[in-house]
Amino acid sequence: MGTALIGACIALAAGIAIGSAGTRAKRARLDYRRTKALIPGARKAAWVEGLRGLRIIATAAGVLVALGLAMNVIGQR
């Protein structure tokens, strides 16, 4: 009787551990699929924001170059 009880306790502990691991694996797989589905949208948003920032930098550089050239012309008079 005692051996059967010990065996049942070991089987119960193993079942809990295996069930918990299975649940974590399912949750991780679901999180992976959700994240993988979000990547194209995030990549597109990153490109849009990067190009917007680059456009602002290019505009500021153009204005500064134009001001520098204007000041150079004014200084030559």
N, C-alpha and C. Protein backbone atom coordinates (compact mmCIF):
# COMPACT_ATOMS: atom_id res chain seq x y z
N MET A 1 0.81 -1.19 0.00
CA MET A 1 0.00 0.00 0.00
C MET A 1 0.86 1.26 0.00
N GLY A 2 1.92 1.25 0.80
CA GLY A 2 2.79 2.41 0.90
C GLY A 2 3.53 2.68 -0.39
N THR A 3 3.94 1.60 -1.09
CA THR A 3 4.66 1.76 -2.35
C THR A 3 3.76 2.34 -3.42
N ALA A 4 2.52 1.91 -3.41
CA ALA A 4 1.56 2.42 -4.40
C ALA A 4 1.28 3.90 -4.14
N LEU A 5 1.22 4.28 -2.86
CA LEU A 5 0.98 5.67 -2.52
C LEU A 5 2.15 6.55 -2.95
N ILE A 6 3.35 6.07 -2.72
CA ILE A 6 4.56 6.81 -3.15
C ILE A 6 4.58 6.93 -4.67
N GLY A 7 4.27 5.85 -5.36
CA GLY A 7 4.22 5.87 -6.83
C GLY A 7 3.17 6.84 -7.34
N ALA A 8 2.02 6.87 -6.67
CA ALA A 8 0.95 7.79 -7.07
C ALA A 8 1.37 9.24 -6.85
N CYS A 9 2.06 9.51 -5.75
CA CYS A 9 2.54 10.88 -5.47
C CYS A 9 3.58 11.30 -6.50
N ILE A 10 4.47 10.39 -6.86
CA ILE A 10 5.49 10.70 -7.88
C ILE A 10 4.82 10.95 -9.23
N ALA A 11 3.84 10.13 -9.58
CA ALA A 11 3.11 10.30 -10.85
C ALA A 11 2.35 11.62 -10.84
N LEU A 12 1.76 11.99 -9.72
CA LEU A 12 1.04 13.26 -9.61
C LEU A 12 2.00 14.43 -9.79
N ALA A 13 3.14 14.39 -9.14
CA ALA A 13 4.13 15.47 -9.26
C ALA A 13 4.64 15.58 -10.69
N ALA A 14 4.90 14.44 -11.31
CA ALA A 14 5.37 14.44 -12.70
C ALA A 14 4.29 14.98 -13.63
N GLY A 15 3.05 14.61 -13.39
CA GLY A 15 1.94 15.09 -14.21
C GLY A 15 1.76 16.60 -14.09
N ILE A 16 1.89 17.11 -12.88
CA ILE A 16 1.79 18.57 -12.68
C ILE A 16 2.92 19.28 -13.40
N ALA A 17 4.14 18.76 -13.29
CA ALA A 17 5.29 19.39 -13.94
C ALA A 17 5.14 19.36 -15.46
N ILE A 18 4.71 18.24 -16.00
CA ILE A 18 4.55 18.12 -17.45
C ILE A 18 3.41 19.00 -17.94
N GLY A 19 2.30 19.03 -17.21
CA GLY A 19 1.18 19.89 -17.59
C GLY A 19 1.56 21.37 -17.56
N SER A 20 2.30 21.76 -16.55
CA SER A 20 2.75 23.15 -16.43
C SER A 20 3.69 23.51 -17.59
N ALA A 21 4.59 22.60 -17.91
CA ALA A 21 5.51 22.85 -19.02
C ALA A 21 4.76 22.95 -20.34
N GLY A 22 3.74 22.11 -20.52
CA GLY A 22 2.94 22.16 -21.74
C GLY A 22 2.18 23.48 -21.86
N THR A 23 1.64 23.94 -20.73
CA THR A 23 0.91 25.22 -20.74
C THR A 23 1.85 26.37 -21.07
N ARG A 24 3.06 26.37 -20.48
CA ARG A 24 4.04 27.42 -20.79
C ARG A 24 4.45 27.38 -22.25
N ALA A 25 4.60 26.18 -22.80
CA ALA A 25 4.98 26.05 -24.21
C ALA A 25 3.88 26.58 -25.12
N LYS A 26 2.62 26.27 -24.81
CA LYS A 26 1.50 26.79 -25.61
C LYS A 26 1.43 28.31 -25.54
N ARG A 27 1.62 28.86 -24.35
CA ARG A 27 1.58 30.32 -24.18
C ARG A 27 2.73 30.98 -24.94
N ALA A 28 3.92 30.37 -24.87
CA ALA A 28 5.07 30.92 -25.59
C ALA A 28 4.85 30.86 -27.10
N ARG A 29 4.28 29.78 -27.59
CA ARG A 29 4.00 29.65 -29.02
C ARG A 29 2.98 30.70 -29.46
N LEU A 30 1.95 30.94 -28.65
CA LEU A 30 0.95 31.96 -28.96
C LEU A 30 1.58 33.36 -28.97
N ASP A 31 2.43 33.65 -27.97
CA ASP A 31 3.11 34.95 -27.93
C ASP A 31 4.02 35.12 -29.14
N TYR A 32 4.70 34.06 -29.53
CA TYR A 32 5.58 34.12 -30.70
C TYR A 32 4.78 34.43 -31.96
N ARG A 33 3.66 33.77 -32.14
CA ARG A 33 2.83 34.01 -33.33
C ARG A 33 2.29 35.43 -33.36
N ARG A 34 1.84 35.93 -32.20
CA ARG A 34 1.33 37.31 -32.14
C ARG A 34 2.43 38.31 -32.45
N THR A 35 3.60 38.11 -31.88
CA THR A 35 4.72 39.03 -32.12
C THR A 35 5.16 38.97 -33.57
N LYS A 36 5.20 37.77 -34.13
CA LYS A 36 5.61 37.61 -35.53
C LYS A 36 4.62 38.33 -36.45
N ALA A 37 3.35 38.33 -36.10
CA ALA A 37 2.34 39.01 -36.93
C ALA A 37 2.49 40.53 -36.83
N LEU A 38 3.02 41.03 -35.72
CA LEU A 38 3.17 42.48 -35.53
C LEU A 38 4.42 43.04 -36.20
N ILE A 39 5.38 42.21 -36.54
CA ILE A 39 6.66 42.69 -37.05
C ILE A 39 6.52 43.49 -38.35
N PRO A 40 5.77 43.06 -39.36
CA PRO A 40 5.68 43.88 -40.58
C PRO A 40 5.14 45.28 -40.32
N GLY A 41 4.12 45.40 -39.48
CA GLY A 41 3.59 46.72 -39.16
C GLY A 41 4.59 47.58 -38.42
N ALA A 42 5.32 46.97 -37.49
CA ALA A 42 6.33 47.71 -36.73
C ALA A 42 7.48 48.13 -37.64
N ARG A 43 7.85 47.26 -38.57
CA ARG A 43 8.93 47.59 -39.50
C ARG A 43 8.52 48.76 -40.39
N LYS A 44 7.29 48.74 -40.87
CA LYS A 44 6.80 49.83 -41.72
C LYS A 44 6.77 51.14 -40.93
N ALA A 45 6.29 51.09 -39.69
CA ALA A 45 6.24 52.29 -38.86
C ALA A 45 7.65 52.82 -38.59
N ALA A 46 8.60 51.94 -38.39
CA ALA A 46 9.99 52.37 -38.16
C ALA A 46 10.55 53.07 -39.39
N TRP A 47 10.28 52.53 -40.57
CA TRP A 47 10.74 53.17 -41.80
C TRP A 47 10.10 54.54 -41.98
N VAL A 48 8.81 54.64 -41.72
CA VAL A 48 8.12 55.92 -41.87
C VAL A 48 8.71 56.96 -40.92
N GLU A 49 8.91 56.59 -39.66
CA GLU A 49 9.47 57.52 -38.69
C GLU A 49 10.91 57.89 -39.05
N GLY A 50 11.68 56.93 -39.51
CA GLY A 50 13.06 57.20 -39.90
C GLY A 50 13.14 58.16 -41.08
N LEU A 51 12.29 57.94 -42.07
CA LEU A 51 12.29 58.82 -43.23
C LEU A 51 11.77 60.22 -42.87
N ARG A 52 10.82 60.28 -41.96
CA ARG A 52 10.32 61.58 -41.51
C ARG A 52 11.44 62.36 -40.81
N GLY A 53 12.19 61.70 -39.97
CA GLY A 53 13.32 62.34 -39.29
C GLY A 53 14.40 62.76 -40.27
N LEU A 54 14.66 61.91 -41.25
CA LEU A 54 15.66 62.24 -42.27
C LEU A 54 15.23 63.45 -43.08
N ARG A 55 13.94 63.56 -43.37
CA ARG A 55 13.41 64.70 -44.12
C ARG A 55 13.58 65.99 -43.31
N ILE A 56 13.35 65.92 -42.01
CA ILE A 56 13.52 67.10 -41.16
C ILE A 56 14.98 67.52 -41.10
N ILE A 57 15.87 66.55 -40.98
CA ILE A 57 17.31 66.85 -40.94
C ILE A 57 17.76 67.45 -42.26
N ALA A 58 17.30 66.90 -43.37
CA ALA A 58 17.68 67.42 -44.69
C ALA A 58 17.16 68.84 -44.89
N THR A 59 15.94 69.10 -44.43
CA THR A 59 15.37 70.45 -44.55
C THR A 59 16.17 71.44 -43.72
N ALA A 60 16.49 71.06 -42.49
CA ALA A 60 17.27 71.95 -41.63
C ALA A 60 18.65 72.20 -42.22
N ALA A 61 19.28 71.18 -42.77
CA ALA A 61 20.59 71.34 -43.39
C ALA A 61 20.50 72.26 -44.60
N GLY A 62 19.45 72.10 -45.40
CA GLY A 62 19.26 72.97 -46.57
C GLY A 62 19.08 74.43 -46.17
N VAL A 63 18.30 74.67 -45.12
CA VAL A 63 18.08 76.04 -44.65
C VAL A 63 19.40 76.62 -44.14
N LEU A 64 20.16 75.84 -43.40
CA LEU A 64 21.44 76.34 -42.88
C LEU A 64 22.43 76.63 -44.01
N VAL A 65 22.47 75.79 -45.01
CA VAL A 65 23.36 76.03 -46.15
C VAL A 65 22.91 77.28 -46.89
N ALA A 66 21.61 77.45 -47.10
CA ALA A 66 21.10 78.64 -47.78
C ALA A 66 21.41 79.90 -46.98
N LEU A 67 21.26 79.84 -45.66
CA LEU A 67 21.60 80.99 -44.83
C LEU A 67 23.08 81.30 -44.89
N GLY A 68 23.88 80.26 -44.88
CA GLY A 68 25.33 80.46 -44.98
C GLY A 68 25.72 81.11 -46.29
N LEU A 69 25.11 80.66 -47.39
CA LEU A 69 25.41 81.26 -48.69
C LEU A 69 24.93 82.70 -48.75
N ALA A 70 23.75 82.96 -48.18
CA ALA A 70 23.23 84.33 -48.16
C ALA A 70 24.14 85.24 -47.34
N MET A 71 24.60 84.78 -46.21
CA MET A 71 25.49 85.58 -45.38
C MET A 71 26.81 85.82 -46.08
N ASN A 72 27.27 84.86 -46.84
CA ASN A 72 28.51 85.01 -47.59
C ASN A 72 28.33 86.07 -48.67
N VAL A 73 27.20 86.09 -49.35
CA VAL A 73 26.94 87.08 -50.40
C VAL A 73 26.84 88.46 -49.76
N ILE A 74 26.12 88.55 -48.62
CA ILE A 74 25.98 89.83 -47.93
C ILE A 74 27.34 90.33 -47.45
N GLY A 75 28.18 89.44 -47.00
CA GLY A 75 29.49 89.83 -46.51
C GLY A 75 30.41 90.31 -47.61
N GLN A 76 30.20 89.90 -48.84
CA GLN A 76 31.06 90.31 -49.97
C GLN A 76 30.69 91.70 -50.47
N ARG A 77 29.56 92.25 -50.10
CA ARG A 77 29.15 93.57 -50.59
C ARG A 77 29.81 94.66 -49.85
